[in-house]
Amino acid sequence: SPARGAVVLHPGAGAPSRCWPVARYAAVAEALRARGRRVVVTGGADEGDLVARLAKRAHLPDTDVFGGGLPYERLSALVADARAVVSGDTGIAHLAVAHGTPSVTLFGPVPPSRWGPPPGTRHRALWHPGPDGDPHGHETDPGLLRITADEVLDALDALDVLHALDAPDPPDAPEEAP
């Protein structure tokens, strides 16, 4: 897989109200990369500019940028092989839950109790309680803006995603003969 063991950042969502700022995703990417973790960025078919802005701010190599909407099968495989997924309340978060890939999902306009992951240890929903907003709104939800990059990194740490960051990824183990 082109992203085995990487942390996938997906900055887009179906509406601007559910999009966390690119600068904060970039801060998360830079912190992860400083600790030796590979970061890849994905985006939907109409999110090429958003993905490119994040990749540029985070100084990601072109090989780690998957903008323009991967075919579903490739996106699904990428999520299945990822170390973790960080996104807003959008489709890729549901893919992470389906594959059992650890995830951190950022909620703003609506609480995670409505559309969030099931309770469990592999998924973290970040949300600052407040009045429900418009999940289809044109401005980033104020609740979503209260989530910090450090909270995202702490959530990844709680999932033990960052624990192994100080050691390089182990090489793939050779297949054992029967």
C-alpha atoms as a PDB file:
ATOM      1  CA  SER A   1       0.000   0.000   0.000  1.00  0.00           C
ATOM      2  CA  PRO A   2       1.264   3.514  -0.736  1.00  0.00           C
ATOM      3  CA  ALA A   3       0.499   4.632   2.828  1.00  0.00           C
ATOM      4  CA  ARG A   4       1.170   1.587   5.031  1.00  0.00           C
ATOM      5  CA  GLY A   5       1.751   2.811   8.586  1.00  0.00           C
ATOM      6  CA  ALA A   6       1.154   6.484   7.768  1.00  0.00           C
ATOM      7  CA  VAL A   7      -1.158   8.864   9.559  1.00  0.00           C
ATOM      8  CA  VAL A   8      -3.803  10.009   7.070  1.00  0.00           C
ATOM      9  CA  LEU A   9      -5.023  13.610   7.334  1.00  0.00           C
ATOM     10  CA  HIS A  10      -8.222  14.439   5.453  1.00  0.00           C
ATOM     11  CA  PRO A  11      -8.934  18.187   5.730  1.00  0.00           C
ATOM     12  CA  GLY A  12     -12.116  18.314   3.652  1.00  0.00           C
ATOM     13  CA  ALA A  13     -15.743  17.619   4.441  1.00  0.00           C
ATOM     14  CA  GLY A  14     -19.099  17.926   2.757  1.00  0.00           C
ATOM     15  CA  ALA A  15     -19.531  21.494   3.996  1.00  0.00           C
ATOM     16  CA  PRO A  16     -17.208  24.295   5.190  1.00  0.00           C
ATOM     17  CA  SER A  17     -18.851  24.208   8.638  1.00  0.00           C
ATOM     18  CA  ARG A  18     -17.222  20.802   9.210  1.00  0.00           C
ATOM     19  CA  CYS A  19     -13.727  21.766   7.934  1.00  0.00           C
ATOM     20  CA  TRP A  20     -11.065  22.338  10.586  1.00  0.00           C
ATOM     21  CA  PRO A  21      -8.528  25.012   9.514  1.00  0.00           C
ATOM     22  CA  VAL A  22      -5.707  23.944   7.179  1.00  0.00           C
ATOM     23  CA  ALA A  23      -3.137  25.662   9.427  1.00  0.00           C
ATOM     24  CA  ARG A  24      -4.096  23.358  12.302  1.00  0.00           C
ATOM     25  CA  TYR A  25      -3.873  20.241  10.138  1.00  0.00           C
ATOM     26  CA  ALA A  26      -0.444  21.481   9.031  1.00  0.00           C
ATOM     27  CA  ALA A  27       0.640  21.913  12.674  1.00  0.00           C
ATOM     28  CA  VAL A  28      -0.429  18.317  13.384  1.00  0.00           C
ATOM     29  CA  ALA A  29       1.429  17.100  10.272  1.00  0.00           C
ATOM     30  CA  GLU A  30       4.615  18.934  11.229  1.00  0.00           C
ATOM     31  CA  ALA A  31       4.515  17.588  14.798  1.00  0.00           C
ATOM     32  CA  LEU A  32       4.007  14.040  13.565  1.00  0.00           C
ATOM     33  CA  ARG A  33       6.800  14.315  11.007  1.00  0.00           C
ATOM     34  CA  ALA A  34       9.139  15.806  13.632  1.00  0.00           C
ATOM     35  CA  ARG A  35       8.624  12.582  15.600  1.00  0.00           C
ATOM     36  CA  GLY A  36       9.417  10.410  12.588  1.00  0.00           C
ATOM     37  CA  ARG A  37       5.916   9.538  11.479  1.00  0.00           C
ATOM     38  CA  ARG A  38       4.910   9.561   7.824  1.00  0.00           C
ATOM     39  CA  VAL A  39       1.866  11.721   7.038  1.00  0.00           C
ATOM     40  CA  VAL A  40      -0.284  11.466   3.935  1.00  0.00           C
ATOM     41  CA  VAL A  41      -3.079  13.804   2.902  1.00  0.00           C
ATOM     42  CA  THR A  42      -6.266  12.828   1.097  1.00  0.00           C
ATOM     43  CA  GLY A  43      -9.111  14.850  -0.339  1.00  0.00           C
ATOM     44  CA  GLY A  44     -12.257  14.529  -2.354  1.00  0.00           C
ATOM     45  CA  ALA A  45     -12.687  15.182  -6.051  1.00  0.00           C
ATOM     46  CA  ASP A  46     -13.279  18.922  -5.581  1.00  0.00           C
ATOM     47  CA  GLU A  47     -10.730  19.379  -2.769  1.00  0.00           C
ATOM     48  CA  GLY A  48      -7.499  19.532  -4.779  1.00  0.00           C
ATOM     49  CA  ASP A  49      -6.755  23.122  -3.739  1.00  0.00           C
ATOM     50  CA  LEU A  50      -7.416  22.371  -0.064  1.00  0.00           C
ATOM     51  CA  VAL A  51      -5.129  19.324  -0.141  1.00  0.00           C
ATOM     52  CA  ALA A  52      -2.414  21.273  -2.003  1.00  0.00           C
ATOM     53  CA  ARG A  53      -2.543  24.099   0.575  1.00  0.00           C
ATOM     54  CA  LEU A  54      -2.120  21.638   3.425  1.00  0.00           C
ATOM     55  CA  ALA A  55       0.696  19.751   1.668  1.00  0.00           C
ATOM     56  CA  LYS A  56       2.551  23.011   0.980  1.00  0.00           C
ATOM     57  CA  ARG A  57       2.178  24.335   4.555  1.00  0.00           C
ATOM     58  CA  ALA A  58       3.312  21.000   6.008  1.00  0.00           C
ATOM     59  CA  HIS A  59       6.155  20.579   3.467  1.00  0.00           C
ATOM     60  CA  LEU A  60       4.897  17.145   2.402  1.00  0.00           C
ATOM     61  CA  PRO A  61       6.462  15.394  -0.585  1.00  0.00           C
ATOM     62  CA  ASP A  62       4.219  14.910  -3.628  1.00  0.00           C
ATOM     63  CA  THR A  63       4.308  11.148  -3.028  1.00  0.00           C
ATOM     64  CA  ASP A  64       2.325  11.677   0.205  1.00  0.00           C
ATOM     65  CA  VAL A  65      -0.440  13.770  -1.340  1.00  0.00           C
ATOM     66  CA  PHE A  66      -3.566  12.049  -2.658  1.00  0.00           C
ATOM     67  CA  GLY A  67      -5.814  14.865  -3.796  1.00  0.00           C
ATOM     68  CA  GLY A  68      -8.515  14.942  -6.398  1.00  0.00           C
ATOM     69  CA  GLY A  69     -10.588  12.085  -5.080  1.00  0.00           C
ATOM     70  CA  LEU A  70      -9.069   8.622  -5.022  1.00  0.00           C
ATOM     71  CA  PRO A  71     -11.324   5.880  -6.354  1.00  0.00           C
ATOM     72  CA  TYR A  72     -13.231   4.381  -3.435  1.00  0.00           C
ATOM     73  CA  GLU A  73     -11.315   1.079  -3.538  1.00  0.00           C
ATOM     74  CA  ARG A  74      -7.936   2.864  -3.313  1.00  0.00           C
ATOM     75  CA  LEU A  75      -9.118   5.196  -0.538  1.00  0.00           C
ATOM     76  CA  SER A  76     -10.495   2.222   1.388  1.00  0.00           C
ATOM     77  CA  ALA A  77      -7.209   0.318   1.028  1.00  0.00           C
ATOM     78  CA  LEU A  78      -5.232   3.393   2.093  1.00  0.00           C
ATOM     79  CA  VAL A  79      -7.366   3.763   5.244  1.00  0.00           C
ATOM     80  CA  ALA A  80      -7.132   0.031   6.012  1.00  0.00           C
ATOM     81  CA  ASP A  81      -3.308   0.184   5.929  1.00  0.00           C
ATOM     82  CA  ALA A  82      -2.966   3.481   7.811  1.00  0.00           C
ATOM     83  CA  ARG A  83      -1.686   3.829  11.363  1.00  0.00           C
ATOM     84  CA  ALA A  84      -4.490   6.350  12.036  1.00  0.00           C
ATOM     85  CA  VAL A  85      -6.916   8.733  10.335  1.00  0.00           C
ATOM     86  CA  VAL A  86      -7.554  12.333  11.397  1.00  0.00           C
ATOM     87  CA  SER A  87     -10.543  14.043   9.805  1.00  0.00           C
ATOM     88  CA  GLY A  88     -13.654  16.034  10.355  1.00  0.00           C
ATOM     89  CA  ASP A  89     -17.110  14.516  10.496  1.00  0.00           C
ATOM     90  CA  THR A  90     -17.112  13.075   6.968  1.00  0.00           C
ATOM     91  CA  GLY A  91     -17.005   9.823   5.024  1.00  0.00           C
ATOM     92  CA  ILE A  92     -13.381   8.853   5.655  1.00  0.00           C
ATOM     93  CA  ALA A  93     -14.077   8.827   9.410  1.00  0.00           C
ATOM     94  CA  HIS A  94     -16.724   6.151   8.820  1.00  0.00           C
ATOM     95  CA  LEU A  95     -14.266   4.189   6.648  1.00  0.00           C
ATOM     96  CA  ALA A  96     -11.735   4.231   9.510  1.00  0.00           C
ATOM     97  CA  VAL A  97     -14.349   2.831  11.904  1.00  0.00           C
ATOM     98  CA  ALA A  98     -15.346   0.164   9.374  1.00  0.00           C
ATOM     99  CA  HIS A  99     -11.724  -0.940   8.940  1.00  0.00           C
ATOM    100  CA  GLY A 100     -10.880  -0.705  12.647  1.00  0.00           C
ATOM    101  CA  THR A 101      -8.174   1.859  11.872  1.00  0.00           C
ATOM    102  CA  PRO A 102      -7.603   4.147  14.868  1.00  0.00           C
ATOM    103  CA  SER A 103      -9.170   7.543  14.230  1.00  0.00           C
ATOM    104  CA  VAL A 104      -9.539  11.018  15.624  1.00  0.00           C
ATOM    105  CA  THR A 105     -12.667  12.733  14.343  1.00  0.00           C
ATOM    106  CA  LEU A 106     -13.210  16.448  14.851  1.00  0.00           C
ATOM    107  CA  PHE A 107     -16.787  17.524  15.546  1.00  0.00           C
ATOM    108  CA  GLY A 108     -18.199  21.042  15.440  1.00  0.00           C
ATOM    109  CA  PRO A 109     -21.694  21.741  14.217  1.00  0.00           C
ATOM    110  CA  VAL A 110     -23.225  18.600  15.710  1.00  0.00           C
ATOM    111  CA  PRO A 111     -22.175  16.410  18.642  1.00  0.00           C
ATOM    112  CA  PRO A 112     -20.530  13.039  18.064  1.00  0.00           C
ATOM    113  CA  SER A 113     -23.532  11.409  19.749  1.00  0.00           C
ATOM    114  CA  ARG A 114     -25.414  12.101  16.530  1.00  0.00           C
ATOM    115  CA  TRP A 115     -22.989  10.955  13.809  1.00  0.00           C
ATOM    116  CA  GLY A 116     -19.844   9.928  15.652  1.00  0.00           C
ATOM    117  CA  PRO A 117     -17.992   6.659  16.029  1.00  0.00           C
ATOM    118  CA  PRO A 118     -19.259   4.026  18.425  1.00  0.00           C
ATOM    119  CA  PRO A 119     -17.713   4.216  21.877  1.00  0.00           C
ATOM    120  CA  GLY A 120     -14.493   2.251  22.000  1.00  0.00           C
ATOM    121  CA  THR A 121     -10.771   2.421  22.367  1.00  0.00           C
ATOM    122  CA  ARG A 122      -9.745   2.743  18.696  1.00  0.00           C
ATOM    123  CA  HIS A 123     -11.624   5.968  17.945  1.00  0.00           C
ATOM    124  CA  ARG A 124     -11.627   9.392  19.550  1.00  0.00           C
ATOM    125  CA  ALA A 125     -14.259  12.021  18.874  1.00  0.00           C
ATOM    126  CA  LEU A 126     -13.128  15.548  19.780  1.00  0.00           C
ATOM    127  CA  TRP A 127     -15.905  17.996  20.545  1.00  0.00           C
ATOM    128  CA  HIS A 128     -16.417  21.065  22.695  1.00  0.00           C
ATOM    129  CA  PRO A 129     -20.061  21.122  23.825  1.00  0.00           C
ATOM    130  CA  GLY A 130     -22.115  24.046  22.665  1.00  0.00           C
ATOM    131  CA  PRO A 131     -25.262  24.786  20.744  1.00  0.00           C
ATOM    132  CA  ASP A 132     -25.747  22.677  17.610  1.00  0.00           C
ATOM    133  CA  GLY A 133     -24.683  24.437  14.446  1.00  0.00           C
ATOM    134  CA  ASP A 134     -25.511  23.907  10.800  1.00  0.00           C
ATOM    135  CA  PRO A 135     -23.712  20.785   9.482  1.00  0.00           C
ATOM    136  CA  HIS A 136     -24.175  22.200   5.971  1.00  0.00           C
ATOM    137  CA  GLY A 137     -23.118  25.777   6.783  1.00  0.00           C
ATOM    138  CA  HIS A 138     -20.724  27.953   4.821  1.00  0.00           C
ATOM    139  CA  GLU A 139     -18.430  29.016   7.714  1.00  0.00           C
ATOM    140  CA  THR A 140     -16.317  26.849  10.032  1.00  0.00           C
ATOM    141  CA  ASP A 141     -18.375  26.044  13.118  1.00  0.00           C
ATOM    142  CA  PRO A 142     -17.238  27.913  16.276  1.00  0.00           C
ATOM    143  CA  GLY A 143     -17.208  24.653  18.246  1.00  0.00           C
ATOM    144  CA  LEU A 144     -14.862  23.072  15.730  1.00  0.00           C
ATOM    145  CA  LEU A 145     -12.571  26.099  16.007  1.00  0.00           C
ATOM    146  CA  ARG A 146     -12.191  25.421  19.750  1.00  0.00           C
ATOM    147  CA  ILE A 147     -10.333  22.157  18.991  1.00  0.00           C
ATOM    148  CA  THR A 148      -6.566  22.680  19.060  1.00  0.00           C
ATOM    149  CA  ALA A 149      -3.748  20.863  17.274  1.00  0.00           C
ATOM    150  CA  ASP A 150      -2.436  19.769  20.686  1.00  0.00           C
ATOM    151  CA  GLU A 151      -5.784  18.113  21.467  1.00  0.00           C
ATOM    152  CA  VAL A 152      -5.521  16.121  18.238  1.00  0.00           C
ATOM    153  CA  LEU A 153      -1.955  15.055  19.062  1.00  0.00           C
ATOM    154  CA  ASP A 154      -3.024  14.112  22.607  1.00  0.00           C
ATOM    155  CA  ALA A 155      -5.876  12.018  21.178  1.00  0.00           C
ATOM    156  CA  LEU A 156      -3.467  10.227  18.832  1.00  0.00           C
ATOM    157  CA  ASP A 157      -1.171   9.641  21.811  1.00  0.00           C
ATOM    158  CA  ALA A 158      -4.079   8.191  23.810  1.00  0.00           C
ATOM    159  CA  LEU A 159      -4.665   5.738  20.961  1.00  0.00           C
ATOM    160  CA  ASP A 160      -0.986   4.709  21.226  1.00  0.00           C
ATOM    161  CA  VAL A 161      -0.519   5.913  17.656  1.00  0.00           C
ATOM    162  CA  LEU A 162       2.361   8.157  18.685  1.00  0.00           C
ATOM    163  CA  HIS A 163       3.921   5.736  21.158  1.00  0.00           C
ATOM    164  CA  ALA A 164       6.007   4.022  18.514  1.00  0.00           C
ATOM    165  CA  LEU A 165       6.990   7.275  16.837  1.00  0.00           C
ATOM    166  CA  ASP A 166      10.407   7.447  18.399  1.00  0.00           C
ATOM    167  CA  ALA A 167      11.367   4.085  16.869  1.00  0.00           C
ATOM    168  CA  PRO A 168      11.504   3.510  13.127  1.00  0.00           C
ATOM    169  CA  ASP A 169       8.859   1.291  11.572  1.00  0.00           C
ATOM    170  CA  PRO A 170       9.918  -2.361  11.744  1.00  0.00           C
ATOM    171  CA  PRO A 171      10.679  -3.966   8.407  1.00  0.00           C
ATOM    172  CA  ASP A 172       8.013  -6.281   7.052  1.00  0.00           C
ATOM    173  CA  ALA A 173       8.517  -9.707   8.600  1.00  0.00           C
ATOM    174  CA  PRO A 174       9.386 -12.440   6.143  1.00  0.00           C
ATOM    175  CA  GLU A 175       6.701 -15.020   5.494  1.00  0.00           C
ATOM    176  CA  GLU A 176       7.328 -18.177   7.478  1.00  0.00           C
ATOM    177  CA  ALA A 177       7.246 -21.469   5.622  1.00  0.00           C
ATOM    178  CA  PRO A 178       4.553 -23.878   6.842  1.00  0.00           C
END
